[in-house]
Amino acid sequence: LFRSEDLPESLVEVYDLSAQRTGSTDFIEAGANAPEILDWYFNAFYANICYGGRNAVRTNEIVRLRLANTHGCAFCNKWDTIDARDAGLSEEEIAGLVGWPAEVPAHLFSEGERAALRYADQHCLQNMYGTLSEELAADLKAHFDAGQIFELGVICAVLTGMAKFIFVND
């Protein structure tokens, strides 16, 4: 039987946040079976890359919420919407991220943010033939250095993979 007090101290806050933000702790409880992996996901991937990496947090939150909305993961959508608001996104911007392959309203996001969103769309589950075209690469390079583009790709890959993982494991 799972008990939240059996979690390592570094994950207790994540457990509480999950209950508060999504109304569910299933993902955290499942992850408690491999706490080092759950710790990596929340305290290394998110803390060090999404919130402490090369790209602006706002850019990462835009990409993150776009993928969550596109994939349709209810857990991710609830959690990521709160984080998007915390990163300063307006309700109009949040609404503008819904749906693939819907065009992102140009007036809501900078050219660099729209390039990052087009890059995220290439990684989403629905796009089985995603590719980094020369045009998209040029758009990304106009706003991000090579390390930032690599980081964006890793963020997209991890989030897309985790969405698939959540769907497969219900």
Protein backbone atom coordinates (compact mmCIF):
# COMPACT_ATOMS: atom_id res chain seq x y z
CA LEU A 1 0.00 0.00 0.00
CA PHE A 2 1.39 3.38 -1.03
CA ARG A 3 1.96 6.02 1.64
CA SER A 4 3.14 9.51 0.73
CA GLU A 5 5.33 9.61 3.82
CA ASP A 6 7.40 6.78 2.28
CA LEU A 7 8.53 9.09 -0.52
CA PRO A 8 11.99 10.60 -0.36
CA GLU A 9 11.83 14.13 1.04
CA SER A 10 12.72 15.57 -2.38
CA LEU A 11 9.46 14.17 -3.82
CA VAL A 12 6.97 15.00 -1.07
CA GLU A 13 6.37 18.46 -2.54
CA VAL A 14 5.82 16.94 -6.00
CA TYR A 15 3.25 14.55 -4.52
CA ASP A 16 1.41 17.40 -2.81
CA LEU A 17 1.53 19.56 -5.96
CA SER A 18 0.14 16.72 -8.04
CA ALA A 19 -2.80 16.29 -5.67
CA GLN A 20 -3.43 20.03 -5.60
CA ARG A 21 -3.00 20.73 -9.33
CA THR A 22 -4.49 17.67 -10.97
CA GLY A 23 -6.56 15.97 -8.29
CA SER A 24 -4.56 12.82 -8.92
CA THR A 25 -1.41 11.33 -7.45
CA ASP A 26 -1.42 8.17 -9.60
CA PHE A 27 1.66 9.20 -11.61
CA ILE A 28 3.63 10.03 -8.48
CA GLU A 29 2.53 6.84 -6.74
CA ALA A 30 3.60 4.75 -9.74
CA GLY A 31 6.89 6.64 -9.88
CA ALA A 32 7.48 6.00 -6.20
CA ASN A 33 8.36 2.43 -7.23
CA ALA A 34 11.46 3.90 -8.88
CA PRO A 35 12.00 7.09 -6.88
CA GLU A 36 15.36 7.84 -8.50
CA ILE A 37 13.65 8.10 -11.90
CA LEU A 38 10.84 10.27 -10.55
CA ASP A 39 13.49 12.42 -8.86
CA TRP A 40 15.37 12.75 -12.17
CA TYR A 41 12.20 13.75 -14.00
CA PHE A 42 11.09 16.47 -11.60
CA ASN A 43 14.32 17.58 -9.95
CA ALA A 44 16.82 17.23 -12.80
CA PHE A 45 14.90 17.44 -16.07
CA TYR A 46 12.43 20.11 -14.98
CA ALA A 47 14.59 21.99 -12.46
CA ASN A 48 17.85 21.96 -14.41
CA ILE A 49 16.69 22.01 -18.02
CA CYS A 50 13.19 23.47 -18.23
CA TYR A 51 13.69 26.04 -15.46
CA GLY A 52 17.46 26.38 -15.33
CA GLY A 53 18.62 25.62 -18.84
CA ARG A 54 19.65 27.62 -21.87
CA ASN A 55 16.23 28.80 -22.99
CA ALA A 56 13.85 31.27 -21.43
CA VAL A 57 11.36 29.62 -19.08
CA ARG A 58 8.54 31.29 -21.04
CA THR A 59 9.71 29.57 -24.25
CA ASN A 60 9.88 26.20 -22.52
CA GLU A 61 6.43 26.67 -20.99
CA ILE A 62 4.96 27.60 -24.38
CA VAL A 63 6.46 24.48 -25.97
CA ARG A 64 5.46 22.33 -23.00
CA LEU A 65 1.82 23.45 -23.02
CA ARG A 66 1.59 23.17 -26.82
CA LEU A 67 2.71 19.54 -26.62
CA ALA A 68 0.40 18.80 -23.67
CA ASN A 69 -2.58 20.29 -25.50
CA THR A 70 -1.71 18.54 -28.73
CA HIS A 71 -1.22 15.16 -27.05
CA GLY A 72 -4.36 15.53 -24.95
CA CYS A 73 -2.89 14.39 -21.65
CA ALA A 74 -5.29 15.67 -18.97
CA PHE A 75 -2.69 15.35 -16.20
CA CYS A 76 -0.15 17.34 -18.24
CA ASN A 77 -2.67 19.96 -19.35
CA LYS A 78 -3.77 20.73 -15.79
CA TRP A 79 -0.25 20.93 -14.42
CA ASP A 80 1.26 22.75 -17.41
CA THR A 81 -1.49 25.37 -17.60
CA ILE A 82 -0.74 26.42 -14.03
CA ASP A 83 2.98 26.63 -14.81
CA ALA A 84 2.27 28.61 -17.99
CA ARG A 85 0.29 31.15 -15.97
CA ASP A 86 3.11 31.29 -13.42
CA ALA A 87 5.52 32.02 -16.31
CA GLY A 88 3.39 35.01 -17.27
CA LEU A 89 1.30 33.65 -20.13
CA SER A 90 -2.09 35.28 -20.52
CA GLU A 91 -5.32 33.32 -20.90
CA GLU A 92 -5.38 34.38 -24.57
CA GLU A 93 -1.86 33.02 -25.10
CA ILE A 94 -2.74 29.77 -23.33
CA ALA A 95 -5.84 29.38 -25.52
CA GLY A 96 -3.73 30.09 -28.61
CA LEU A 97 -1.60 26.99 -28.00
CA VAL A 98 -4.43 24.49 -28.43
CA GLY A 99 -4.44 22.02 -31.27
CA TRP A 100 -2.11 20.59 -33.84
CA PRO A 101 -1.67 21.47 -36.67
CA ALA A 102 -3.55 24.69 -35.96
CA GLU A 103 -1.65 27.85 -36.80
CA VAL A 104 -0.49 29.77 -33.75
CA PRO A 105 -1.89 33.31 -33.77
CA ALA A 106 1.04 35.56 -34.78
CA HIS A 107 0.04 38.45 -32.53
CA LEU A 108 0.37 36.31 -29.39
CA PHE A 109 3.96 35.13 -29.67
CA SER A 110 7.31 36.44 -30.86
CA GLU A 111 8.91 35.11 -34.02
CA GLY A 112 11.32 33.04 -31.93
CA GLU A 113 8.49 31.56 -29.87
CA ARG A 114 6.57 30.68 -33.03
CA ALA A 115 9.68 28.98 -34.44
CA ALA A 116 9.98 26.98 -31.19
CA LEU A 117 6.30 26.00 -31.49
CA ARG A 118 6.75 24.85 -35.09
CA TYR A 119 9.71 22.79 -33.89
CA ALA A 120 7.56 21.29 -31.12
CA ASP A 121 4.89 20.43 -33.69
CA GLN A 122 7.49 18.36 -35.55
CA HIS A 123 8.02 16.29 -32.39
CA CYS A 124 4.39 15.68 -31.41
CA LEU A 125 2.89 12.19 -31.41
CA GLN A 126 0.44 13.03 -34.18
CA ASN A 127 3.23 14.01 -36.59
CA MET A 128 4.68 10.66 -37.59
CA TYR A 129 6.84 12.26 -40.28
CA GLY A 130 8.16 15.28 -38.39
CA THR A 131 11.34 16.75 -39.76
CA LEU A 132 13.62 19.70 -39.29
CA SER A 133 13.29 21.37 -42.67
CA GLU A 134 15.86 23.86 -43.92
CA GLU A 135 13.31 26.64 -43.50
CA LEU A 136 12.52 25.69 -39.89
CA ALA A 137 16.22 25.27 -39.10
CA ALA A 138 16.90 28.76 -40.45
CA ASP A 139 14.01 30.19 -38.41
CA LEU A 140 15.32 28.53 -35.26
CA LYS A 141 18.91 29.66 -35.92
CA ALA A 142 17.69 33.25 -36.26
CA HIS A 143 16.52 33.17 -32.63
CA PHE A 144 18.43 30.39 -30.84
CA ASP A 145 22.00 29.16 -30.79
CA ALA A 146 22.84 25.51 -31.50
CA GLY A 147 22.82 24.58 -27.80
CA GLN A 148 19.39 26.13 -27.29
CA ILE A 149 17.99 24.28 -30.30
CA PHE A 150 19.42 21.00 -29.02
CA GLU A 151 17.90 21.67 -25.60
CA LEU A 152 14.50 22.46 -27.14
CA GLY A 153 14.68 19.17 -29.04
CA VAL A 154 15.48 17.21 -25.89
CA ILE A 155 12.63 18.92 -24.03
CA CYS A 156 10.25 18.01 -26.85
CA ALA A 157 11.54 14.43 -26.96
CA VAL A 158 11.22 13.86 -23.21
CA LEU A 159 7.76 15.44 -22.99
CA THR A 160 6.47 13.54 -26.03
CA GLY A 161 7.91 10.30 -24.68
CA MET A 162 6.39 10.89 -21.26
CA ALA A 163 2.99 11.57 -22.82
CA LYS A 164 3.22 8.22 -24.62
CA PHE A 165 4.36 6.56 -21.38
CA ILE A 166 1.39 8.01 -19.48
CA PHE A 167 -1.07 6.87 -22.16
CA VAL A 168 0.38 3.37 -22.36
CA ASN A 169 0.41 2.92 -18.59
CA ASP A 170 -2.89 4.72 -17.97
